[in-house]
Amino acid sequence: NHLLAIKALANNLDVSNYIDKISNEIEHLSMFGNTQNRFLDLLLNKYSAICETNSINFDFSIKTSNLDFIDAPDLITLLSNIIDNSIDAVKQSQHKNIYLSINRINNFDILTCINSCDKKPKVLGKTLQTTKTIEGFHGYGMKSIKKIASKYNGETEWTYNEQLKEFIFKIVFIKQ
């Protein structure tokens, strides 16, 4: 819808052609996954392609919930931060695996992301610390995740399994 509005305002053949091209790609990509949530499908497709390019095994299971109660901008921010963090950790790990699941159990929607992680996360108190060394906006991803989870009555938790060298991140949304 936003692309159609831009196309109407632009009144420029090059802009119109470009928007038509990416609109067709978006429509094609949104069919991937078929979770009945177009934005979730787009994100799954995006991260499948990124992981494939980086030789990362990305598996997902979206069965009884598709997080359709989360507004699109929040869903995109939430999942992008979670999966981007996973990709960063996996790139530095011997094994290259990410597993994402979203399920509903009774009145709970549970999002779980498990990724390979050879190094134990840095923690200050109960807060995960960024491992990024480049100056810029770092440390806001986890804050955004927690803020969005809270907005939708969700709680975040994480654990690190030293034996399996896996980082497990979970959000439990309580449906009221």
N, C-alpha and C. Protein backbone atom coordinates (compact mmCIF):
# COMPACT_ATOMS: atom_id res chain seq x y z
N ASN A 1 0.81 -1.20 0.00
CA ASN A 1 0.00 0.00 0.00
C ASN A 1 0.85 1.25 0.00
N HIS A 2 1.94 1.21 0.80
CA HIS A 2 2.84 2.37 0.83
C HIS A 2 3.50 2.55 -0.53
N LEU A 3 3.87 1.46 -1.16
CA LEU A 3 4.51 1.55 -2.47
C LEU A 3 3.54 2.13 -3.51
N LEU A 4 2.29 1.75 -3.44
CA LEU A 4 1.30 2.31 -4.37
C LEU A 4 1.13 3.81 -4.17
N ALA A 5 1.15 4.24 -2.91
CA ALA A 5 1.04 5.67 -2.63
C ALA A 5 2.26 6.43 -3.17
N ILE A 6 3.43 5.87 -2.98
CA ILE A 6 4.66 6.51 -3.48
C ILE A 6 4.61 6.58 -5.00
N LYS A 7 4.17 5.50 -5.62
CA LYS A 7 4.08 5.46 -7.08
C LYS A 7 3.13 6.55 -7.59
N ALA A 8 2.01 6.72 -6.92
CA ALA A 8 1.05 7.74 -7.34
C ALA A 8 1.61 9.15 -7.16
N LEU A 9 2.36 9.36 -6.10
CA LEU A 9 2.93 10.69 -5.84
C LEU A 9 4.13 11.01 -6.73
N ALA A 10 4.87 9.99 -7.09
CA ALA A 10 6.13 10.20 -7.82
C ALA A 10 5.92 10.74 -9.22
N ASN A 11 4.92 10.23 -9.93
CA ASN A 11 4.66 10.67 -11.29
C ASN A 11 5.94 10.64 -12.13
N ASN A 12 6.69 9.52 -12.01
CA ASN A 12 7.97 9.37 -12.69
C ASN A 12 8.04 7.93 -13.20
N LEU A 13 8.32 7.76 -14.49
CA LEU A 13 8.31 6.44 -15.10
C LEU A 13 9.35 5.51 -14.47
N ASP A 14 10.54 6.02 -14.18
CA ASP A 14 11.58 5.18 -13.58
C ASP A 14 11.16 4.70 -12.19
N VAL A 15 10.58 5.60 -11.41
CA VAL A 15 10.12 5.24 -10.07
C VAL A 15 8.98 4.22 -10.17
N SER A 16 8.05 4.46 -11.08
CA SER A 16 6.93 3.53 -11.27
C SER A 16 7.41 2.15 -11.68
N ASN A 17 8.36 2.08 -12.60
CA ASN A 17 8.90 0.79 -13.04
C ASN A 17 9.61 0.08 -11.90
N TYR A 18 10.36 0.82 -11.11
CA TYR A 18 11.07 0.23 -9.99
C TYR A 18 10.07 -0.33 -8.96
N ILE A 19 9.06 0.44 -8.65
CA ILE A 19 8.04 0.00 -7.68
C ILE A 19 7.30 -1.23 -8.21
N ASP A 20 6.98 -1.24 -9.49
CA ASP A 20 6.33 -2.42 -10.08
C ASP A 20 7.21 -3.65 -9.93
N LYS A 21 8.51 -3.47 -10.16
CA LYS A 21 9.45 -4.59 -10.08
C LYS A 21 9.51 -5.14 -8.65
N ILE A 22 9.70 -4.26 -7.66
CA ILE A 22 9.81 -4.77 -6.29
C ILE A 22 8.46 -5.24 -5.76
N SER A 23 7.37 -4.67 -6.23
CA SER A 23 6.04 -5.14 -5.82
C SER A 23 5.83 -6.58 -6.26
N ASN A 24 6.24 -6.89 -7.48
CA ASN A 24 6.11 -8.26 -7.98
C ASN A 24 6.98 -9.21 -7.16
N GLU A 25 8.20 -8.76 -6.80
CA GLU A 25 9.09 -9.60 -6.00
C GLU A 25 8.51 -9.81 -4.61
N ILE A 26 7.95 -8.77 -4.02
CA ILE A 26 7.35 -8.88 -2.69
C ILE A 26 6.17 -9.85 -2.72
N GLU A 27 5.34 -9.73 -3.75
CA GLU A 27 4.19 -10.61 -3.86
C GLU A 27 4.64 -12.06 -4.01
N HIS A 28 5.70 -12.27 -4.81
CA HIS A 28 6.23 -13.63 -4.99
C HIS A 28 6.81 -14.15 -3.68
N LEU A 29 7.58 -13.32 -2.99
CA LEU A 29 8.22 -13.75 -1.76
C LEU A 29 7.21 -14.02 -0.65
N SER A 30 6.11 -13.29 -0.64
CA SER A 30 5.16 -13.45 0.44
C SER A 30 4.46 -14.81 0.39
N MET A 31 4.58 -15.51 -0.70
CA MET A 31 3.98 -16.83 -0.80
C MET A 31 4.81 -17.86 -0.04
N PHE A 32 6.10 -17.56 0.17
CA PHE A 32 7.00 -18.50 0.84
C PHE A 32 6.61 -18.66 2.30
N GLY A 33 6.49 -19.86 2.76
CA GLY A 33 6.19 -20.11 4.16
C GLY A 33 4.71 -20.27 4.41
N ASN A 34 3.91 -19.41 3.81
CA ASN A 34 2.47 -19.49 3.91
C ASN A 34 1.97 -19.63 5.34
N THR A 35 2.38 -18.71 6.19
CA THR A 35 1.95 -18.73 7.59
C THR A 35 0.63 -18.01 7.80
N GLN A 36 0.07 -17.46 6.74
CA GLN A 36 -1.13 -16.63 6.81
C GLN A 36 -0.84 -15.25 7.42
N ASN A 37 0.43 -14.93 7.57
CA ASN A 37 0.87 -13.61 8.01
C ASN A 37 1.91 -13.15 7.00
N ARG A 38 1.51 -12.26 6.13
CA ARG A 38 2.34 -11.83 5.01
C ARG A 38 3.71 -11.31 5.48
N PHE A 39 3.71 -10.53 6.54
CA PHE A 39 4.97 -9.95 7.02
C PHE A 39 5.88 -11.02 7.61
N LEU A 40 5.30 -11.98 8.30
CA LEU A 40 6.08 -13.09 8.82
C LEU A 40 6.67 -13.90 7.66
N ASP A 41 5.86 -14.15 6.63
CA ASP A 41 6.36 -14.86 5.46
C ASP A 41 7.52 -14.12 4.80
N LEU A 42 7.38 -12.80 4.67
CA LEU A 42 8.46 -12.01 4.07
C LEU A 42 9.74 -12.10 4.88
N LEU A 43 9.61 -12.02 6.21
CA LEU A 43 10.79 -12.11 7.06
C LEU A 43 11.43 -13.49 6.98
N LEU A 44 10.62 -14.53 6.98
CA LEU A 44 11.16 -15.88 6.87
C LEU A 44 11.90 -16.06 5.55
N ASN A 45 11.33 -15.53 4.49
CA ASN A 45 11.98 -15.62 3.19
C ASN A 45 13.29 -14.82 3.18
N LYS A 46 13.25 -13.61 3.71
CA LYS A 46 14.44 -12.77 3.75
C LYS A 46 15.57 -13.48 4.49
N TYR A 47 15.27 -13.98 5.67
CA TYR A 47 16.32 -14.61 6.47
C TYR A 47 16.73 -15.97 5.94
N SER A 48 15.85 -16.67 5.26
CA SER A 48 16.25 -17.90 4.59
C SER A 48 17.31 -17.60 3.53
N ALA A 49 17.08 -16.53 2.76
CA ALA A 49 18.03 -16.14 1.71
C ALA A 49 19.35 -15.68 2.31
N ILE A 50 19.30 -14.86 3.36
CA ILE A 50 20.53 -14.39 4.01
C ILE A 50 21.32 -15.56 4.57
N CYS A 51 20.63 -16.47 5.23
CA CYS A 51 21.31 -17.62 5.81
C CYS A 51 21.90 -18.52 4.74
N GLU A 52 21.17 -18.73 3.68
CA GLU A 52 21.69 -19.56 2.59
C GLU A 52 22.97 -18.94 2.01
N THR A 53 22.96 -17.63 1.81
CA THR A 53 24.13 -16.92 1.30
C THR A 53 25.33 -17.07 2.22
N ASN A 54 25.08 -17.15 3.53
CA ASN A 54 26.15 -17.24 4.52
C ASN A 54 26.41 -18.66 5.02
N SER A 55 25.87 -19.65 4.31
CA SER A 55 26.03 -21.07 4.66
C SER A 55 25.58 -21.36 6.09
N ILE A 56 24.46 -20.77 6.46
CA ILE A 56 23.86 -20.99 7.77
C ILE A 56 22.60 -21.82 7.58
N ASN A 57 22.44 -22.87 8.38
CA ASN A 57 21.24 -23.69 8.35
C ASN A 57 20.15 -22.97 9.14
N PHE A 58 19.09 -22.54 8.46
CA PHE A 58 17.98 -21.82 9.09
C PHE A 58 16.73 -22.67 8.96
N ASP A 59 16.27 -23.21 10.08
CA ASP A 59 15.05 -24.00 10.12
C ASP A 59 14.02 -23.26 10.94
N PHE A 60 12.77 -23.44 10.58
CA PHE A 60 11.71 -22.81 11.36
C PHE A 60 10.48 -23.70 11.37
N SER A 61 9.71 -23.52 12.42
CA SER A 61 8.46 -24.25 12.59
C SER A 61 7.42 -23.26 13.09
N ILE A 62 6.49 -22.92 12.23
CA ILE A 62 5.42 -21.99 12.58
C ILE A 62 4.13 -22.81 12.49
N LYS A 63 3.61 -23.24 13.64
CA LYS A 63 2.51 -24.20 13.59
C LYS A 63 1.18 -23.62 14.03
N THR A 64 1.05 -23.29 15.28
CA THR A 64 -0.27 -22.93 15.80
C THR A 64 -0.40 -21.44 16.12
N SER A 65 0.62 -20.66 15.79
CA SER A 65 0.55 -19.21 15.97
C SER A 65 1.38 -18.56 14.88
N ASN A 66 0.93 -17.40 14.40
CA ASN A 66 1.71 -16.66 13.42
C ASN A 66 1.95 -15.22 13.87
N LEU A 67 1.71 -14.95 15.13
CA LEU A 67 1.93 -13.62 15.73
C LEU A 67 1.14 -12.53 15.02
N ASP A 68 -0.02 -12.88 14.50
CA ASP A 68 -0.82 -11.91 13.76
C ASP A 68 -1.41 -10.81 14.65
N PHE A 69 -1.28 -10.93 15.95
CA PHE A 69 -1.75 -9.90 16.87
C PHE A 69 -0.72 -8.78 17.03
N ILE A 70 0.47 -8.94 16.47
CA ILE A 70 1.52 -7.92 16.56
C ILE A 70 1.47 -7.06 15.30
N ASP A 71 1.42 -5.75 15.47
CA ASP A 71 1.43 -4.83 14.33
C ASP A 71 2.67 -5.07 13.48
N ALA A 72 2.53 -4.89 12.16
CA ALA A 72 3.62 -5.19 11.22
C ALA A 72 4.95 -4.49 11.58
N PRO A 73 4.97 -3.19 11.87
CA PRO A 73 6.27 -2.57 12.20
C PRO A 73 6.92 -3.19 13.44
N ASP A 74 6.10 -3.53 14.42
CA ASP A 74 6.64 -4.15 15.64
C ASP A 74 7.14 -5.57 15.35
N LEU A 75 6.39 -6.32 14.56
CA LEU A 75 6.80 -7.68 14.21
C LEU A 75 8.12 -7.66 13.45
N ILE A 76 8.24 -6.75 12.50
CA ILE A 76 9.47 -6.65 11.71
C ILE A 76 10.65 -6.27 12.60
N THR A 77 10.46 -5.31 13.48
CA THR A 77 11.53 -4.91 14.40
C THR A 77 11.90 -6.05 15.33
N LEU A 78 10.90 -6.69 15.89
CA LEU A 78 11.12 -7.78 16.84
C LEU A 78 11.92 -8.93 16.21
N LEU A 79 11.38 -9.49 15.14
CA LEU A 79 12.03 -10.65 14.52
C LEU A 79 13.36 -10.29 13.87
N SER A 80 13.45 -9.11 13.28
CA SER A 80 14.71 -8.71 12.65
C SER A 80 15.82 -8.62 13.70
N ASN A 81 15.53 -8.03 14.83
CA ASN A 81 16.55 -7.94 15.88
C ASN A 81 16.94 -9.32 16.40
N ILE A 82 15.96 -10.17 16.63
CA ILE A 82 16.24 -11.51 17.15
C ILE A 82 17.09 -12.31 16.16
N ILE A 83 16.67 -12.33 14.91
CA ILE A 83 17.39 -13.16 13.93
C ILE A 83 18.72 -12.52 13.54
N ASP A 84 18.80 -11.20 13.46
CA ASP A 84 20.09 -10.55 13.18
C ASP A 84 21.10 -10.89 14.27
N ASN A 85 20.66 -10.86 15.53
CA ASN A 85 21.56 -11.23 16.63
C ASN A 85 22.00 -12.69 16.50
N SER A 86 21.08 -13.55 16.11
CA SER A 86 21.41 -14.97 15.94
C SER A 86 22.43 -15.15 14.82
N ILE A 87 22.23 -14.47 13.72
CA ILE A 87 23.16 -14.57 12.59
C ILE A 87 24.55 -14.10 13.00
N ASP A 88 24.63 -12.99 13.74
CA ASP A 88 25.93 -12.49 14.20
C ASP A 88 26.65 -13.54 15.05
N ALA A 89 25.93 -14.20 15.94
CA ALA A 89 26.54 -15.22 16.80
C ALA A 89 26.96 -16.44 15.99
N VAL A 90 26.11 -16.86 15.08
CA VAL A 90 26.37 -18.06 14.29
C VAL A 90 27.57 -17.87 13.37
N LYS A 91 27.74 -16.68 12.83
CA LYS A 91 28.88 -16.41 11.95
C LYS A 91 30.21 -16.64 12.66
N GLN A 92 30.21 -16.50 13.99
CA GLN A 92 31.43 -16.67 14.78
C GLN A 92 31.52 -18.06 15.41
N SER A 93 30.64 -18.95 15.00
CA SER A 93 30.57 -20.28 15.61
C SER A 93 30.99 -21.36 14.61
N GLN A 94 31.46 -22.46 15.16
CA GLN A 94 31.85 -23.59 14.32
C GLN A 94 30.63 -24.16 13.61
N HIS A 95 29.57 -24.42 14.37
CA HIS A 95 28.33 -24.91 13.78
C HIS A 95 27.49 -23.70 13.39
N LYS A 96 26.74 -23.84 12.35
CA LYS A 96 26.00 -22.69 11.80
C LYS A 96 24.52 -23.03 11.72
N ASN A 97 23.84 -22.99 12.88
CA ASN A 97 22.44 -23.38 12.93
C ASN A 97 21.60 -22.33 13.65
N ILE A 98 20.44 -22.06 13.06
CA ILE A 98 19.42 -21.22 13.69
C ILE A 98 18.09 -21.95 13.55
N TYR A 99 17.37 -22.03 14.65
CA TYR A 99 16.05 -22.65 14.63
C TYR A 99 15.06 -21.69 15.27
N LEU A 100 13.99 -21.38 14.56
CA LEU A 100 12.95 -20.48 15.04
C LEU A 100 11.64 -21.24 15.09
N SER A 101 10.95 -21.14 16.23
CA SER A 101 9.62 -21.75 16.32
C SER A 101 8.65 -20.74 16.94
N ILE A 102 7.43 -20.82 16.47
CA ILE A 102 6.35 -19.99 17.00
C ILE A 102 5.15 -20.90 17.15
N ASN A 103 4.67 -21.04 18.38
CA ASN A 103 3.56 -21.94 18.67
C ASN A 103 2.63 -21.34 19.72
N ARG A 104 1.41 -21.79 19.70
CA ARG A 104 0.44 -21.42 20.73
C ARG A 104 0.17 -22.65 21.57
N ILE A 105 0.31 -22.46 22.88
CA ILE A 105 -0.03 -23.52 23.83
C ILE A 105 -0.98 -22.89 24.83
N ASN A 106 -2.21 -23.37 24.82
CA ASN A 106 -3.27 -22.80 25.65
C ASN A 106 -3.37 -21.30 25.40
N ASN A 107 -3.15 -20.47 26.41
CA ASN A 107 -3.25 -19.02 26.24
C ASN A 107 -1.89 -18.35 26.06
N PHE A 108 -0.91 -19.10 25.60
CA PHE A 108 0.44 -18.57 25.44
C PHE A 108 0.90 -18.73 24.00
N ASP A 109 1.42 -17.65 23.42
CA ASP A 109 2.12 -17.73 22.15
C ASP A 109 3.60 -17.67 22.49
N ILE A 110 4.33 -18.68 22.03
CA ILE A 110 5.73 -18.83 22.42
C ILE A 110 6.62 -18.75 21.19
N LEU A 111 7.50 -17.76 21.19
CA LEU A 111 8.49 -17.59 20.15
C LEU A 111 9.83 -18.05 20.73
N THR A 112 10.46 -18.99 20.07
CA THR A 112 11.75 -19.50 20.53
C THR A 112 12.74 -19.44 19.38
N CYS A 113 13.91 -18.89 19.65
CA CYS A 113 14.99 -18.87 18.66
C CYS A 113 16.23 -19.48 19.32
N ILE A 114 16.75 -20.53 18.69
CA ILE A 114 17.93 -21.22 19.20
C ILE A 114 19.02 -21.11 18.14
N ASN A 115 20.19 -20.66 18.55
CA ASN A 115 21.28 -20.56 17.59
C ASN A 115 22.59 -21.07 18.16
N SER A 116 23.44 -21.55 17.26
CA SER A 116 24.79 -21.94 17.64
C SER A 116 25.49 -20.71 18.21
N CYS A 117 26.28 -20.94 19.24
CA CYS A 117 26.97 -19.82 19.89
C CYS A 117 28.16 -20.39 20.66
N ASP A 118 29.34 -20.32 20.05
CA ASP A 118 30.53 -20.92 20.67
C ASP A 118 30.99 -20.17 21.90
N LYS A 119 30.75 -18.86 21.95
CA LYS A 119 31.20 -18.06 23.10
C LYS A 119 30.02 -17.72 24.00
N LYS A 120 30.23 -17.91 25.28
CA LYS A 120 29.20 -17.57 26.25
C LYS A 120 28.90 -16.07 26.15
N PRO A 121 27.61 -15.70 26.14
CA PRO A 121 27.27 -14.28 26.03
C PRO A 121 27.83 -13.44 27.18
N LYS A 122 28.16 -12.21 26.87
CA LYS A 122 28.60 -11.27 27.90
C LYS A 122 27.36 -10.76 28.63
N VAL A 123 27.44 -10.79 29.95
CA VAL A 123 26.30 -10.39 30.77
C VAL A 123 26.77 -9.42 31.84
N LEU A 124 25.98 -8.38 32.05
CA LEU A 124 26.21 -7.45 33.15
C LEU A 124 24.93 -7.47 33.98
N GLY A 125 25.01 -8.04 35.17
CA GLY A 125 23.79 -8.25 35.96
C GLY A 125 22.97 -9.33 35.29
N LYS A 126 21.78 -8.96 34.82
CA LYS A 126 20.94 -9.89 34.06
C LYS A 126 20.77 -9.42 32.62
N THR A 127 21.59 -8.43 32.23
CA THR A 127 21.46 -7.83 30.91
C THR A 127 22.54 -8.31 29.97
N LEU A 128 22.12 -8.76 28.80
CA LEU A 128 23.07 -9.15 27.77
C LEU A 128 23.80 -7.91 27.27
N GLN A 129 25.10 -8.05 27.05
CA GLN A 129 25.92 -6.95 26.56
C GLN A 129 26.26 -7.16 25.09
N THR A 130 26.33 -6.08 24.33
CA THR A 130 26.67 -6.18 22.92
C THR A 130 28.10 -6.67 22.75
N THR A 131 28.32 -7.40 21.69
CA THR A 131 29.67 -7.86 21.36
C THR A 131 30.21 -7.13 20.14
N LYS A 132 29.43 -6.21 19.63
CA LYS A 132 29.85 -5.46 18.44
C LYS A 132 30.95 -4.48 18.83
N THR A 133 31.96 -4.39 17.97
CA THR A 133 33.11 -3.53 18.26
C THR A 133 33.08 -2.23 17.47
N ILE A 134 32.26 -2.16 16.44
CA ILE A 134 32.18 -0.96 15.61
C ILE A 134 31.30 0.07 16.31
N GLU A 135 31.76 1.32 16.29
CA GLU A 135 30.98 2.40 16.91
C GLU A 135 29.62 2.52 16.22
N GLY A 136 28.64 2.97 16.94
CA GLY A 136 27.32 3.20 16.35
C GLY A 136 26.22 2.86 17.32
N PHE A 137 25.06 2.59 16.76
CA PHE A 137 23.88 2.29 17.56
C PHE A 137 23.88 0.81 17.93
N HIS A 138 24.51 0.50 19.05
CA HIS A 138 24.54 -0.89 19.50
C HIS A 138 23.90 -0.97 20.88
N GLY A 139 23.28 -2.10 21.14
CA GLY A 139 22.64 -2.29 22.42
C GLY A 139 21.17 -1.90 22.41
N TYR A 140 20.70 -1.38 21.29
CA TYR A 140 19.29 -0.99 21.22
C TYR A 140 18.40 -2.13 20.77
N GLY A 141 18.97 -3.13 20.12
CA GLY A 141 18.18 -4.25 19.63
C GLY A 141 17.47 -4.98 20.74
N MET A 142 18.19 -5.33 21.79
CA MET A 142 17.58 -6.06 22.90
C MET A 142 16.56 -5.19 23.62
N LYS A 143 16.87 -3.90 23.74
CA LYS A 143 15.90 -2.98 24.37
C LYS A 143 14.62 -2.92 23.54
N SER A 144 14.76 -2.88 22.22
CA SER A 144 13.58 -2.87 21.34
C SER A 144 12.79 -4.15 21.47
N ILE A 145 13.48 -5.27 21.53
CA ILE A 145 12.82 -6.56 21.67
C ILE A 145 12.00 -6.59 22.96
N LYS A 146 12.62 -6.19 24.06
CA LYS A 146 11.92 -6.20 25.36
C LYS A 146 10.73 -5.24 25.37
N LYS A 147 10.91 -4.07 24.76
CA LYS A 147 9.83 -3.08 24.72
C LYS A 147 8.63 -3.61 23.93
N ILE A 148 8.91 -4.21 22.78
CA ILE A 148 7.82 -4.75 21.95
C ILE A 148 7.16 -5.94 22.65
N ALA A 149 7.96 -6.82 23.23
CA ALA A 149 7.39 -7.96 23.95
C ALA A 149 6.45 -7.48 25.05
N SER A 150 6.90 -6.50 25.80
CA SER A 150 6.09 -5.96 26.89
C SER A 150 4.79 -5.33 26.36
N LYS A 151 4.88 -4.63 25.24
CA LYS A 151 3.71 -3.98 24.62
C LYS A 151 2.61 -5.00 24.33
N TYR A 152 3.01 -6.23 23.98
CA TYR A 152 2.04 -7.27 23.63
C TYR A 152 1.92 -8.33 24.73
N ASN A 153 2.16 -7.89 25.98
CA ASN A 153 1.99 -8.75 27.15
C ASN A 153 2.91 -9.98 27.08
N GLY A 154 4.15 -9.73 26.70
CA GLY A 154 5.12 -10.81 26.58
C GLY A 154 6.30 -10.63 27.52
N GLU A 155 6.90 -11.73 27.89
CA GLU A 155 8.08 -11.75 28.75
C GLU A 155 9.22 -12.41 27.99
N THR A 156 10.41 -11.81 28.08
CA THR A 156 11.59 -12.39 27.43
C THR A 156 12.41 -13.17 28.44
N GLU A 157 13.07 -14.19 27.93
CA GLU A 157 14.02 -14.94 28.75
C GLU A 157 15.06 -15.54 27.82
N TRP A 158 16.22 -15.80 28.36
CA TRP A 158 17.27 -16.42 27.57
C TRP A 158 18.11 -17.33 28.46
N THR A 159 18.70 -18.32 27.83
CA THR A 159 19.63 -19.19 28.51
C THR A 159 20.76 -19.53 27.53
N TYR A 160 21.87 -19.94 28.10
CA TYR A 160 22.99 -20.39 27.29
C TYR A 160 23.35 -21.79 27.73
N ASN A 161 23.37 -22.73 26.80
CA ASN A 161 23.73 -24.11 27.09
C ASN A 161 25.20 -24.28 26.70
N GLU A 162 26.08 -24.28 27.70
CA GLU A 162 27.52 -24.39 27.44
C GLU A 162 27.88 -25.72 26.82
N GLN A 163 27.22 -26.77 27.24
CA GLN A 163 27.53 -28.10 26.72
C GLN A 163 27.21 -28.19 25.22
N LEU A 164 26.05 -27.70 24.81
CA LEU A 164 25.64 -27.74 23.40
C LEU A 164 26.13 -26.53 22.61
N LYS A 165 26.65 -25.53 23.33
CA LYS A 165 27.06 -24.27 22.70
C LYS A 165 25.90 -23.67 21.90
N GLU A 166 24.79 -23.48 22.62
CA GLU A 166 23.58 -22.92 22.03
C GLU A 166 23.05 -21.78 22.89
N PHE A 167 22.58 -20.76 22.22
CA PHE A 167 21.91 -19.65 22.87
C PHE A 167 20.43 -19.82 22.59
N ILE A 168 19.62 -19.80 23.64
CA ILE A 168 18.17 -19.98 23.50
C ILE A 168 17.49 -18.70 23.97
N PHE A 169 16.74 -18.09 23.05
CA PHE A 169 16.00 -16.87 23.36
C PHE A 169 14.51 -17.18 23.21
N LYS A 170 13.74 -16.73 24.19
CA LYS A 170 12.32 -17.06 24.19
C LYS A 170 11.50 -15.84 24.59
N ILE A 171 10.37 -15.69 23.92
CA ILE A 171 9.36 -14.70 24.34
C ILE A 171 8.05 -15.47 24.53
N VAL A 172 7.45 -15.30 25.68
CA VAL A 172 6.15 -15.90 25.97
C VAL A 172 5.13 -14.77 26.04
N PHE A 173 4.19 -14.78 25.09
CA PHE A 173 3.12 -13.80 25.07
C PHE A 173 1.90 -14.42 25.74
N ILE A 174 1.34 -13.72 26.68
CA ILE A 174 0.15 -14.21 27.39
C ILE A 174 -1.07 -13.62 26.70
N LYS A 175 -1.91 -14.49 26.16
CA LYS A 175 -3.14 -14.05 25.48
C LYS A 175 -4.21 -13.85 26.56
N GLN A 176 -4.85 -12.71 26.50
CA GLN A 176 -5.87 -12.42 27.52
C GLN A 176 -7.26 -12.61 26.97
